[in-house]
């Protein structure tokens, strides 16, 4: 079954208050509550568009597959976002600079050594 995986995108953004984030991006409190409840069974294209705009993502980033691993849509299955703060905790300034350099290099289309 295809599902909206807003929790993953919100975690990637480091947002602490999911409902407030959605409300601040133009969703009503009721819409935000319904989206975050996990009980949403259908999504109109205009709502999907608004979600993509709020998260600056594509529909593929919003949708996740929860079902048979052999199904053609199983390629949409995504792991939960890592806790970035936890991953960076305890890193030296040199290690952080190296991480930032690698990110910048990858955004330019290739990693330099």
C-alpha atoms as a PDB file:
ATOM      1  CA  UNK A   1       0.000   0.000   0.000  1.00  0.00           C
ATOM      2  CA  UNK A   2       1.233   3.511  -0.805  1.00  0.00           C
ATOM      3  CA  UNK A   3       1.362   5.859   2.176  1.00  0.00           C
ATOM      4  CA  UNK A   4       2.414   9.429   2.855  1.00  0.00           C
ATOM      5  CA  UNK A   5       5.636   9.456   4.839  1.00  0.00           C
ATOM      6  CA  UNK A   6       5.682  13.003   6.194  1.00  0.00           C
ATOM      7  CA  UNK A   7       7.542  11.979   9.343  1.00  0.00           C
ATOM      8  CA  UNK A   8      10.614  11.107   7.294  1.00  0.00           C
ATOM      9  CA  UNK A   9      10.685  14.465   5.493  1.00  0.00           C
ATOM     10  CA  UNK A  10      10.066  16.374   8.701  1.00  0.00           C
ATOM     11  CA  UNK A  11      12.911  14.471  10.370  1.00  0.00           C
ATOM     12  CA  UNK A  12      15.211  15.279   7.452  1.00  0.00           C
ATOM     13  CA  UNK A  13      14.413  18.957   7.955  1.00  0.00           C
ATOM     14  CA  UNK A  14      15.049  18.697  11.705  1.00  0.00           C
ATOM     15  CA  UNK A  15      11.576  19.995  12.512  1.00  0.00           C
ATOM     16  CA  UNK A  16      10.512  19.445  16.116  1.00  0.00           C
ATOM     17  CA  UNK A  17       6.833  20.473  15.824  1.00  0.00           C
ATOM     18  CA  UNK A  18       5.363  18.755  12.781  1.00  0.00           C
ATOM     19  CA  UNK A  19       1.863  20.203  12.957  1.00  0.00           C
ATOM     20  CA  UNK A  20       3.167  23.755  13.434  1.00  0.00           C
ATOM     21  CA  UNK A  21       5.475  23.293  10.427  1.00  0.00           C
ATOM     22  CA  UNK A  22       2.547  22.352   8.201  1.00  0.00           C
ATOM     23  CA  UNK A  23       0.350  25.170   9.533  1.00  0.00           C
ATOM     24  CA  UNK A  24       3.187  27.651   8.953  1.00  0.00           C
ATOM     25  CA  UNK A  25       3.330  26.429   5.349  1.00  0.00           C
ATOM     26  CA  UNK A  26      -0.319  27.146   4.614  1.00  0.00           C
ATOM     27  CA  UNK A  27      -2.149  24.054   5.815  1.00  0.00           C
ATOM     28  CA  UNK A  28      -5.101  24.395   8.152  1.00  0.00           C
ATOM     29  CA  UNK A  29      -4.791  22.858  11.600  1.00  0.00           C
ATOM     30  CA  UNK A  30      -7.349  20.229  10.591  1.00  0.00           C
ATOM     31  CA  UNK A  31      -5.442  19.350   7.409  1.00  0.00           C
ATOM     32  CA  UNK A  32      -2.185  19.086   9.365  1.00  0.00           C
ATOM     33  CA  UNK A  33      -3.785  16.885  12.021  1.00  0.00           C
ATOM     34  CA  UNK A  34      -5.324  14.591   9.395  1.00  0.00           C
ATOM     35  CA  UNK A  35      -2.082  14.297   7.423  1.00  0.00           C
ATOM     36  CA  UNK A  36      -0.029  13.483  10.508  1.00  0.00           C
ATOM     37  CA  UNK A  37      -2.507  10.961  11.909  1.00  0.00           C
ATOM     38  CA  UNK A  38      -1.468   8.418   9.279  1.00  0.00           C
ATOM     39  CA  UNK A  39      -5.109   7.708   8.516  1.00  0.00           C
ATOM     40  CA  UNK A  40      -5.219   9.604   5.209  1.00  0.00           C
ATOM     41  CA  UNK A  41      -6.607   7.174   2.626  1.00  0.00           C
ATOM     42  CA  UNK A  42      -6.603   9.478  -0.392  1.00  0.00           C
ATOM     43  CA  UNK A  43      -4.795  12.634  -1.445  1.00  0.00           C
ATOM     44  CA  UNK A  44      -5.974  15.080  -4.082  1.00  0.00           C
ATOM     45  CA  UNK A  45      -3.384  16.283  -6.571  1.00  0.00           C
ATOM     46  CA  UNK A  46      -3.670  19.864  -5.314  1.00  0.00           C
ATOM     47  CA  UNK A  47      -2.846  18.696  -1.777  1.00  0.00           C
ATOM     48  CA  UNK A  48       0.085  16.652  -3.090  1.00  0.00           C
ATOM     49  CA  UNK A  49       1.310  19.751  -4.926  1.00  0.00           C
ATOM     50  CA  UNK A  50       1.070  21.858  -1.759  1.00  0.00           C
ATOM     51  CA  UNK A  51       3.015  19.225   0.203  1.00  0.00           C
ATOM     52  CA  UNK A  52       5.723  19.154  -2.475  1.00  0.00           C
ATOM     53  CA  UNK A  53       5.976  22.938  -2.301  1.00  0.00           C
ATOM     54  CA  UNK A  54       6.123  22.951   1.521  1.00  0.00           C
ATOM     55  CA  UNK A  55       8.897  20.348   1.602  1.00  0.00           C
ATOM     56  CA  UNK A  56      10.583  21.390  -1.648  1.00  0.00           C
ATOM     57  CA  UNK A  57      10.440  17.821  -2.865  1.00  0.00           C
ATOM     58  CA  UNK A  58       8.884  15.567  -5.486  1.00  0.00           C
ATOM     59  CA  UNK A  59       5.864  13.277  -4.965  1.00  0.00           C
ATOM     60  CA  UNK A  60       8.298  10.350  -4.905  1.00  0.00           C
ATOM     61  CA  UNK A  61       9.849  11.826  -1.744  1.00  0.00           C
ATOM     62  CA  UNK A  62       6.436  11.948  -0.055  1.00  0.00           C
ATOM     63  CA  UNK A  63       5.247   8.465  -0.925  1.00  0.00           C
ATOM     64  CA  UNK A  64       6.435   5.271   0.674  1.00  0.00           C
ATOM     65  CA  UNK A  65       5.551   1.640   0.004  1.00  0.00           C
ATOM     66  CA  UNK A  66       4.384  -0.511   2.881  1.00  0.00           C
ATOM     67  CA  UNK A  67       3.646  -3.923   1.517  1.00  0.00           C
ATOM     68  CA  UNK A  68       5.058  -6.884  -0.351  1.00  0.00           C
ATOM     69  CA  UNK A  69       8.795  -6.486  -0.940  1.00  0.00           C
ATOM     70  CA  UNK A  70       8.399  -8.190  -4.325  1.00  0.00           C
ATOM     71  CA  UNK A  71       5.897  -5.633  -5.610  1.00  0.00           C
ATOM     72  CA  UNK A  72       7.038  -3.257  -8.350  1.00  0.00           C
ATOM     73  CA  UNK A  73       6.396  -0.270  -6.042  1.00  0.00           C
ATOM     74  CA  UNK A  74       8.692  -1.654  -3.341  1.00  0.00           C
ATOM     75  CA  UNK A  75      11.428   0.531  -4.862  1.00  0.00           C
ATOM     76  CA  UNK A  76       9.640   3.462  -3.199  1.00  0.00           C
ATOM     77  CA  UNK A  77      10.385   2.034   0.258  1.00  0.00           C
ATOM     78  CA  UNK A  78      12.579   4.432   2.200  1.00  0.00           C
ATOM     79  CA  UNK A  79      14.365   4.133   5.493  1.00  0.00           C
ATOM     80  CA  UNK A  80      13.721   6.621   8.261  1.00  0.00           C
ATOM     81  CA  UNK A  81      15.904   9.700   8.232  1.00  0.00           C
ATOM     82  CA  UNK A  82      18.996   9.545  10.409  1.00  0.00           C
ATOM     83  CA  UNK A  83      19.283  11.902  13.350  1.00  0.00           C
ATOM     84  CA  UNK A  84      21.786  14.377  11.904  1.00  0.00           C
ATOM     85  CA  UNK A  85      22.564  15.953  15.274  1.00  0.00           C
ATOM     86  CA  UNK A  86      23.435  12.546  16.684  1.00  0.00           C
ATOM     87  CA  UNK A  87      25.598  11.681  13.672  1.00  0.00           C
ATOM     88  CA  UNK A  88      27.583  14.925  13.979  1.00  0.00           C
ATOM     89  CA  UNK A  89      27.898  14.855  17.763  1.00  0.00           C
ATOM     90  CA  UNK A  90      31.494  14.584  18.912  1.00  0.00           C
ATOM     91  CA  UNK A  91      32.997  15.314  15.483  1.00  0.00           C
ATOM     92  CA  UNK A  92      36.052  17.553  15.468  1.00  0.00           C
ATOM     93  CA  UNK A  93      36.025  20.833  13.523  1.00  0.00           C
ATOM     94  CA  UNK A  94      38.271  19.178  10.922  1.00  0.00           C
ATOM     95  CA  UNK A  95      35.867  16.277  10.504  1.00  0.00           C
ATOM     96  CA  UNK A  96      32.933  18.688  10.139  1.00  0.00           C
ATOM     97  CA  UNK A  97      34.832  20.695   7.516  1.00  0.00           C
ATOM     98  CA  UNK A  98      35.543  17.486   5.602  1.00  0.00           C
ATOM     99  CA  UNK A  99      31.849  16.535   5.700  1.00  0.00           C
ATOM    100  CA  UNK A 100      30.863  19.990   4.427  1.00  0.00           C
ATOM    101  CA  UNK A 101      33.486  19.791   1.668  1.00  0.00           C
ATOM    102  CA  UNK A 102      32.149  16.428   0.525  1.00  0.00           C
ATOM    103  CA  UNK A 103      28.584  17.743   0.498  1.00  0.00           C
ATOM    104  CA  UNK A 104      29.643  20.769  -1.566  1.00  0.00           C
ATOM    105  CA  UNK A 105      31.560  18.527  -3.964  1.00  0.00           C
ATOM    106  CA  UNK A 106      28.580  16.203  -4.404  1.00  0.00           C
ATOM    107  CA  UNK A 107      26.295  19.166  -5.122  1.00  0.00           C
ATOM    108  CA  UNK A 108      28.685  20.214  -7.878  1.00  0.00           C
ATOM    109  CA  UNK A 109      28.255  16.814  -9.505  1.00  0.00           C
ATOM    110  CA  UNK A 110      31.380  14.980  -8.510  1.00  0.00           C
ATOM    111  CA  UNK A 111      33.519  14.241  -5.529  1.00  0.00           C
ATOM    112  CA  UNK A 112      37.105  15.466  -5.668  1.00  0.00           C
ATOM    113  CA  UNK A 113      39.735  13.617  -3.717  1.00  0.00           C
END
